[in-house]
């Protein structure tokens, strides 16, 4: 018995497959060449075993099978090949899929360039990764390589990886909310409804 998997509907399963199977390529064209190979020469292709929510509660990535046969005929799988690294590649090269936006490394460099010049060396030396996509294998290494290539040669570039990047920004916000000065850093809904955007201009000098 087989079921269809509609990726637009099964977002939870697809997101799990992305988290388990994807990685950030350090050499995109080289990995593309490997993905074109067949059999044991293709070290990238993997089968992702789909959950049936009876015996398999969560999907998982199965190791390479030289025989090409499934371990269990009842298992339903997704064959993932170049998708494993082309999906995360969009974060670094969105123009590859027609999105006219900067990649992460360019966005970081552009953001730092928008800050006062005297802060640039400190900002390049303190790049902190947050968010679930930073957990992709190879993410921090690729980002360091690309930012290093864009940054001025006289500046050190340092990428920091927190213990829990998924919750790190929330944890920082939680700490900030307990600061006695926190109320001076925000505009309440009531204030905005009464004074409009002018309250932001006056309070934050924007």
C-alpha atoms as a PDB file:
ATOM      1  CA  UNK A   1       0.000   0.000   0.000  1.00  0.00           C
ATOM      2  CA  UNK A   2       1.516   3.310  -1.093  1.00  0.00           C
ATOM      3  CA  UNK A   3       0.453   6.859  -0.489  1.00  0.00           C
ATOM      4  CA  UNK A   4       1.184   9.994  -2.428  1.00  0.00           C
ATOM      5  CA  UNK A   5       3.214  12.746  -0.818  1.00  0.00           C
ATOM      6  CA  UNK A   6       2.112  16.244  -1.771  1.00  0.00           C
ATOM      7  CA  UNK A   7       5.007  18.430  -0.700  1.00  0.00           C
ATOM      8  CA  UNK A   8       2.833  21.559  -0.533  1.00  0.00           C
ATOM      9  CA  UNK A   9       0.473  19.850   1.914  1.00  0.00           C
ATOM     10  CA  UNK A  10       2.878  17.680   3.915  1.00  0.00           C
ATOM     11  CA  UNK A  11       4.989  20.610   5.081  1.00  0.00           C
ATOM     12  CA  UNK A  12       5.769  19.023   8.456  1.00  0.00           C
ATOM     13  CA  UNK A  13       7.220  15.878   6.878  1.00  0.00           C
ATOM     14  CA  UNK A  14       9.094  17.846   4.224  1.00  0.00           C
ATOM     15  CA  UNK A  15      10.566  20.147   6.872  1.00  0.00           C
ATOM     16  CA  UNK A  16      11.795  17.134   8.842  1.00  0.00           C
ATOM     17  CA  UNK A  17      13.367  15.699   5.694  1.00  0.00           C
ATOM     18  CA  UNK A  18      15.078  19.038   5.065  1.00  0.00           C
ATOM     19  CA  UNK A  19      16.472  19.174   8.601  1.00  0.00           C
ATOM     20  CA  UNK A  20      17.693  15.573   8.531  1.00  0.00           C
ATOM     21  CA  UNK A  21      19.081  15.306   5.014  1.00  0.00           C
ATOM     22  CA  UNK A  22      20.229  18.699   3.751  1.00  0.00           C
ATOM     23  CA  UNK A  23      23.714  20.153   3.963  1.00  0.00           C
ATOM     24  CA  UNK A  24      25.489  23.247   2.670  1.00  0.00           C
ATOM     25  CA  UNK A  25      27.897  22.513  -0.147  1.00  0.00           C
ATOM     26  CA  UNK A  26      31.443  23.831   0.104  1.00  0.00           C
ATOM     27  CA  UNK A  27      31.964  23.290  -3.636  1.00  0.00           C
ATOM     28  CA  UNK A  28      28.648  23.389  -5.474  1.00  0.00           C
ATOM     29  CA  UNK A  29      29.813  22.334  -8.944  1.00  0.00           C
ATOM     30  CA  UNK A  30      31.896  19.479  -7.545  1.00  0.00           C
ATOM     31  CA  UNK A  31      28.912  18.148  -5.592  1.00  0.00           C
ATOM     32  CA  UNK A  32      26.718  18.474  -8.683  1.00  0.00           C
ATOM     33  CA  UNK A  33      29.166  16.262 -10.577  1.00  0.00           C
ATOM     34  CA  UNK A  34      29.057  13.661  -7.792  1.00  0.00           C
ATOM     35  CA  UNK A  35      25.238  13.731  -7.770  1.00  0.00           C
ATOM     36  CA  UNK A  36      25.207  12.850 -11.489  1.00  0.00           C
ATOM     37  CA  UNK A  37      27.075   9.601 -10.892  1.00  0.00           C
ATOM     38  CA  UNK A  38      25.436   6.214 -10.423  1.00  0.00           C
ATOM     39  CA  UNK A  39      25.822   3.477  -7.862  1.00  0.00           C
ATOM     40  CA  UNK A  40      28.474   3.647  -5.167  1.00  0.00           C
ATOM     41  CA  UNK A  41      30.245   6.513  -6.959  1.00  0.00           C
ATOM     42  CA  UNK A  42      27.366   8.757  -5.926  1.00  0.00           C
ATOM     43  CA  UNK A  43      28.130   9.433  -2.263  1.00  0.00           C
ATOM     44  CA  UNK A  44      25.370  12.044  -1.938  1.00  0.00           C
ATOM     45  CA  UNK A  45      22.163  10.162  -2.817  1.00  0.00           C
ATOM     46  CA  UNK A  46      20.180   8.879   0.163  1.00  0.00           C
ATOM     47  CA  UNK A  47      16.734   7.452   0.825  1.00  0.00           C
ATOM     48  CA  UNK A  48      14.572   9.279   3.334  1.00  0.00           C
ATOM     49  CA  UNK A  49      12.184   6.842   5.007  1.00  0.00           C
ATOM     50  CA  UNK A  50       8.761   8.435   5.404  1.00  0.00           C
ATOM     51  CA  UNK A  51       6.801   8.079   8.642  1.00  0.00           C
ATOM     52  CA  UNK A  52       3.673   5.933   8.519  1.00  0.00           C
ATOM     53  CA  UNK A  53       2.705   7.051  12.057  1.00  0.00           C
ATOM     54  CA  UNK A  54       2.173   3.419  13.028  1.00  0.00           C
ATOM     55  CA  UNK A  55       5.554   1.749  13.287  1.00  0.00           C
ATOM     56  CA  UNK A  56       7.591   4.769  12.134  1.00  0.00           C
ATOM     57  CA  UNK A  57       6.681   7.891  14.098  1.00  0.00           C
ATOM     58  CA  UNK A  58       9.343  10.111  12.551  1.00  0.00           C
ATOM     59  CA  UNK A  59      11.075   9.913   9.204  1.00  0.00           C
ATOM     60  CA  UNK A  60      14.796   9.270   9.020  1.00  0.00           C
ATOM     61  CA  UNK A  61      17.591   9.195   6.481  1.00  0.00           C
ATOM     62  CA  UNK A  62      18.772   5.728   5.546  1.00  0.00           C
ATOM     63  CA  UNK A  63      22.414   5.088   4.747  1.00  0.00           C
ATOM     64  CA  UNK A  64      23.578   4.196   1.232  1.00  0.00           C
ATOM     65  CA  UNK A  65      22.435   0.800  -0.029  1.00  0.00           C
ATOM     66  CA  UNK A  66      24.881  -0.585  -2.626  1.00  0.00           C
ATOM     67  CA  UNK A  67      22.350  -3.217  -3.702  1.00  0.00           C
ATOM     68  CA  UNK A  68      19.735  -0.578  -4.468  1.00  0.00           C
ATOM     69  CA  UNK A  69      17.172  -2.611  -2.517  1.00  0.00           C
ATOM     70  CA  UNK A  70      15.179  -1.271   0.402  1.00  0.00           C
ATOM     71  CA  UNK A  71      15.784  -2.743   3.835  1.00  0.00           C
ATOM     72  CA  UNK A  72      12.077  -3.273   4.278  1.00  0.00           C
ATOM     73  CA  UNK A  73       9.640  -3.613   1.412  1.00  0.00           C
ATOM     74  CA  UNK A  74       6.951  -1.924   3.496  1.00  0.00           C
ATOM     75  CA  UNK A  75       8.949   1.272   3.915  1.00  0.00           C
ATOM     76  CA  UNK A  76       8.065   4.211   1.708  1.00  0.00           C
ATOM     77  CA  UNK A  77      10.971   6.434   0.822  1.00  0.00           C
ATOM     78  CA  UNK A  78      11.951   9.651  -0.892  1.00  0.00           C
ATOM     79  CA  UNK A  79      15.115   9.428  -2.955  1.00  0.00           C
ATOM     80  CA  UNK A  80      17.113  12.589  -2.282  1.00  0.00           C
ATOM     81  CA  UNK A  81      20.105  13.393  -4.430  1.00  0.00           C
ATOM     82  CA  UNK A  82      21.184  16.911  -5.415  1.00  0.00           C
ATOM     83  CA  UNK A  83      18.168  18.236  -3.490  1.00  0.00           C
ATOM     84  CA  UNK A  84      20.217  17.678  -0.349  1.00  0.00           C
ATOM     85  CA  UNK A  85      22.454  20.649  -1.146  1.00  0.00           C
ATOM     86  CA  UNK A  86      20.596  22.639  -3.823  1.00  0.00           C
ATOM     87  CA  UNK A  87      17.818  23.557  -1.358  1.00  0.00           C
ATOM     88  CA  UNK A  88      20.168  25.207   1.197  1.00  0.00           C
ATOM     89  CA  UNK A  89      22.106  26.794  -1.681  1.00  0.00           C
ATOM     90  CA  UNK A  90      19.209  29.225  -2.122  1.00  0.00           C
ATOM     91  CA  UNK A  91      20.233  30.864   1.159  1.00  0.00           C
ATOM     92  CA  UNK A  92      23.601  31.774  -0.333  1.00  0.00           C
ATOM     93  CA  UNK A  93      22.642  32.291  -3.992  1.00  0.00           C
ATOM     94  CA  UNK A  94      18.928  33.180  -4.233  1.00  0.00           C
ATOM     95  CA  UNK A  95      19.440  34.550  -7.743  1.00  0.00           C
ATOM     96  CA  UNK A  96      19.996  30.956  -8.913  1.00  0.00           C
ATOM     97  CA  UNK A  97      16.237  30.416  -8.644  1.00  0.00           C
ATOM     98  CA  UNK A  98      15.239  33.855  -9.879  1.00  0.00           C
ATOM     99  CA  UNK A  99      14.964  35.620  -6.513  1.00  0.00           C
ATOM    100  CA  UNK A 100      16.513  39.100  -6.901  1.00  0.00           C
ATOM    101  CA  UNK A 101      17.923  39.259  -3.386  1.00  0.00           C
ATOM    102  CA  UNK A 102      21.340  39.167  -1.761  1.00  0.00           C
ATOM    103  CA  UNK A 103      22.657  35.943  -0.304  1.00  0.00           C
ATOM    104  CA  UNK A 104      23.364  35.703   3.431  1.00  0.00           C
ATOM    105  CA  UNK A 105      27.048  36.638   3.150  1.00  0.00           C
ATOM    106  CA  UNK A 106      26.273  39.679   0.998  1.00  0.00           C
ATOM    107  CA  UNK A 107      23.449  40.736   3.327  1.00  0.00           C
ATOM    108  CA  UNK A 108      25.753  40.557   6.356  1.00  0.00           C
ATOM    109  CA  UNK A 109      28.430  42.603   4.607  1.00  0.00           C
ATOM    110  CA  UNK A 110      25.863  45.152   3.420  1.00  0.00           C
ATOM    111  CA  UNK A 111      24.398  45.469   6.927  1.00  0.00           C
ATOM    112  CA  UNK A 112      27.809  46.051   8.477  1.00  0.00           C
ATOM    113  CA  UNK A 113      28.644  48.630   5.800  1.00  0.00           C
ATOM    114  CA  UNK A 114      25.493  50.535   6.818  1.00  0.00           C
ATOM    115  CA  UNK A 115      26.799  50.937  10.382  1.00  0.00           C
ATOM    116  CA  UNK A 116      29.287  53.578  11.601  1.00  0.00           C
ATOM    117  CA  UNK A 117      32.759  52.917  10.179  1.00  0.00           C
ATOM    118  CA  UNK A 118      34.374  52.599  13.605  1.00  0.00           C
ATOM    119  CA  UNK A 119      32.143  49.599  14.403  1.00  0.00           C
ATOM    120  CA  UNK A 120      33.034  47.579  11.284  1.00  0.00           C
ATOM    121  CA  UNK A 121      35.994  45.599  12.690  1.00  0.00           C
ATOM    122  CA  UNK A 122      34.004  44.704  15.821  1.00  0.00           C
ATOM    123  CA  UNK A 123      30.957  43.586  13.831  1.00  0.00           C
ATOM    124  CA  UNK A 124      32.960  41.399  11.439  1.00  0.00           C
ATOM    125  CA  UNK A 125      34.622  39.788  14.465  1.00  0.00           C
ATOM    126  CA  UNK A 126      31.288  39.034  16.180  1.00  0.00           C
ATOM    127  CA  UNK A 127      28.910  37.424  13.681  1.00  0.00           C
ATOM    128  CA  UNK A 128      26.435  35.291  15.627  1.00  0.00           C
ATOM    129  CA  UNK A 129      24.351  32.586  13.956  1.00  0.00           C
ATOM    130  CA  UNK A 130      20.710  32.120  14.985  1.00  0.00           C
ATOM    131  CA  UNK A 131      17.798  30.238  13.456  1.00  0.00           C
ATOM    132  CA  UNK A 132      17.160  26.634  12.491  1.00  0.00           C
ATOM    133  CA  UNK A 133      18.804  26.775   9.059  1.00  0.00           C
ATOM    134  CA  UNK A 134      22.170  27.490  10.669  1.00  0.00           C
ATOM    135  CA  UNK A 135      22.092  23.859  11.842  1.00  0.00           C
ATOM    136  CA  UNK A 136      22.702  22.630   8.289  1.00  0.00           C
ATOM    137  CA  UNK A 137      26.005  20.779   8.162  1.00  0.00           C
ATOM    138  CA  UNK A 138      28.607  23.056   6.594  1.00  0.00           C
ATOM    139  CA  UNK A 139      26.602  26.271   7.075  1.00  0.00           C
ATOM    140  CA  UNK A 140      29.067  28.128   9.294  1.00  0.00           C
ATOM    141  CA  UNK A 141      32.088  27.008   7.241  1.00  0.00           C
ATOM    142  CA  UNK A 142      30.537  28.226   3.979  1.00  0.00           C
ATOM    143  CA  UNK A 143      29.424  31.507   5.541  1.00  0.00           C
ATOM    144  CA  UNK A 144      32.890  32.156   6.953  1.00  0.00           C
ATOM    145  CA  UNK A 145      34.467  31.535   3.550  1.00  0.00           C
ATOM    146  CA  UNK A 146      32.096  33.898   1.750  1.00  0.00           C
ATOM    147  CA  UNK A 147      32.143  36.703   4.326  1.00  0.00           C
ATOM    148  CA  UNK A 148      35.936  36.486   4.507  1.00  0.00           C
ATOM    149  CA  UNK A 149      36.087  36.984   0.730  1.00  0.00           C
ATOM    150  CA  UNK A 150      33.878  40.097   0.953  1.00  0.00           C
ATOM    151  CA  UNK A 151      35.321  41.691   4.097  1.00  0.00           C
ATOM    152  CA  UNK A 152      38.297  44.073   4.077  1.00  0.00           C
ATOM    153  CA  UNK A 153      41.534  42.108   4.425  1.00  0.00           C
ATOM    154  CA  UNK A 154      42.601  44.040   7.528  1.00  0.00           C
ATOM    155  CA  UNK A 155      39.545  42.880   9.516  1.00  0.00           C
ATOM    156  CA  UNK A 156      39.236  39.586  11.377  1.00  0.00           C
ATOM    157  CA  UNK A 157      36.085  37.600  10.590  1.00  0.00           C
ATOM    158  CA  UNK A 158      34.678  35.363  13.294  1.00  0.00           C
ATOM    159  CA  UNK A 159      31.508  33.240  13.139  1.00  0.00           C
ATOM    160  CA  UNK A 160      30.037  32.278  16.519  1.00  0.00           C
ATOM    161  CA  UNK A 161      27.634  29.376  16.979  1.00  0.00           C
ATOM    162  CA  UNK A 162      25.490  29.435  20.155  1.00  0.00           C
ATOM    163  CA  UNK A 163      24.487  26.254  22.029  1.00  0.00           C
ATOM    164  CA  UNK A 164      20.864  26.511  20.837  1.00  0.00           C
ATOM    165  CA  UNK A 165      20.627  28.704  17.718  1.00  0.00           C
ATOM    166  CA  UNK A 166      16.907  27.970  17.290  1.00  0.00           C
ATOM    167  CA  UNK A 167      15.934  29.622  20.589  1.00  0.00           C
ATOM    168  CA  UNK A 168      18.882  31.961  21.041  1.00  0.00           C
ATOM    169  CA  UNK A 169      17.241  35.146  19.747  1.00  0.00           C
ATOM    170  CA  UNK A 170      14.143  34.466  21.874  1.00  0.00           C
ATOM    171  CA  UNK A 171      16.333  33.877  24.930  1.00  0.00           C
ATOM    172  CA  UNK A 172      18.080  37.191  24.284  1.00  0.00           C
ATOM    173  CA  UNK A 173      14.723  38.940  24.037  1.00  0.00           C
ATOM    174  CA  UNK A 174      13.589  37.315  27.280  1.00  0.00           C
ATOM    175  CA  UNK A 175      16.684  38.619  29.077  1.00  0.00           C
ATOM    176  CA  UNK A 176      16.212  42.096  27.609  1.00  0.00           C
ATOM    177  CA  UNK A 177      12.569  42.200  28.719  1.00  0.00           C
ATOM    178  CA  UNK A 178      13.709  41.939  32.351  1.00  0.00           C
ATOM    179  CA  UNK A 179      16.028  44.935  32.052  1.00  0.00           C
ATOM    180  CA  UNK A 180      14.791  48.031  33.930  1.00  0.00           C
ATOM    181  CA  UNK A 181      15.475  50.123  30.814  1.00  0.00           C
ATOM    182  CA  UNK A 182      13.379  47.860  28.570  1.00  0.00           C
ATOM    183  CA  UNK A 183      10.345  50.158  28.512  1.00  0.00           C
ATOM    184  CA  UNK A 184      12.446  52.960  27.059  1.00  0.00           C
ATOM    185  CA  UNK A 185      13.280  50.747  24.077  1.00  0.00           C
ATOM    186  CA  UNK A 186       9.747  50.202  22.836  1.00  0.00           C
ATOM    187  CA  UNK A 187       6.537  51.903  21.797  1.00  0.00           C
ATOM    188  CA  UNK A 188       3.303  50.493  23.159  1.00  0.00           C
ATOM    189  CA  UNK A 189       0.239  49.880  21.021  1.00  0.00           C
ATOM    190  CA  UNK A 190      -1.624  52.581  22.922  1.00  0.00           C
ATOM    191  CA  UNK A 191       1.149  55.139  22.335  1.00  0.00           C
ATOM    192  CA  UNK A 192       1.281  54.388  18.629  1.00  0.00           C
ATOM    193  CA  UNK A 193      -2.492  54.624  18.235  1.00  0.00           C
ATOM    194  CA  UNK A 194      -2.481  57.986  20.015  1.00  0.00           C
ATOM    195  CA  UNK A 195       0.585  59.629  18.446  1.00  0.00           C
ATOM    196  CA  UNK A 196       1.288  57.624  15.281  1.00  0.00           C
ATOM    197  CA  UNK A 197       4.744  57.193  13.777  1.00  0.00           C
ATOM    198  CA  UNK A 198       5.921  60.480  15.292  1.00  0.00           C
ATOM    199  CA  UNK A 199       6.420  58.765  18.633  1.00  0.00           C
ATOM    200  CA  UNK A 200       8.990  56.445  16.993  1.00  0.00           C
ATOM    201  CA  UNK A 201      10.791  59.388  15.384  1.00  0.00           C
ATOM    202  CA  UNK A 202      10.975  61.295  18.656  1.00  0.00           C
ATOM    203  CA  UNK A 203      11.923  58.351  20.844  1.00  0.00           C
ATOM    204  CA  UNK A 204      14.439  56.598  18.610  1.00  0.00           C
ATOM    205  CA  UNK A 205      15.717  59.522  16.520  1.00  0.00           C
ATOM    206  CA  UNK A 206      15.000  57.774  13.207  1.00  0.00           C
END
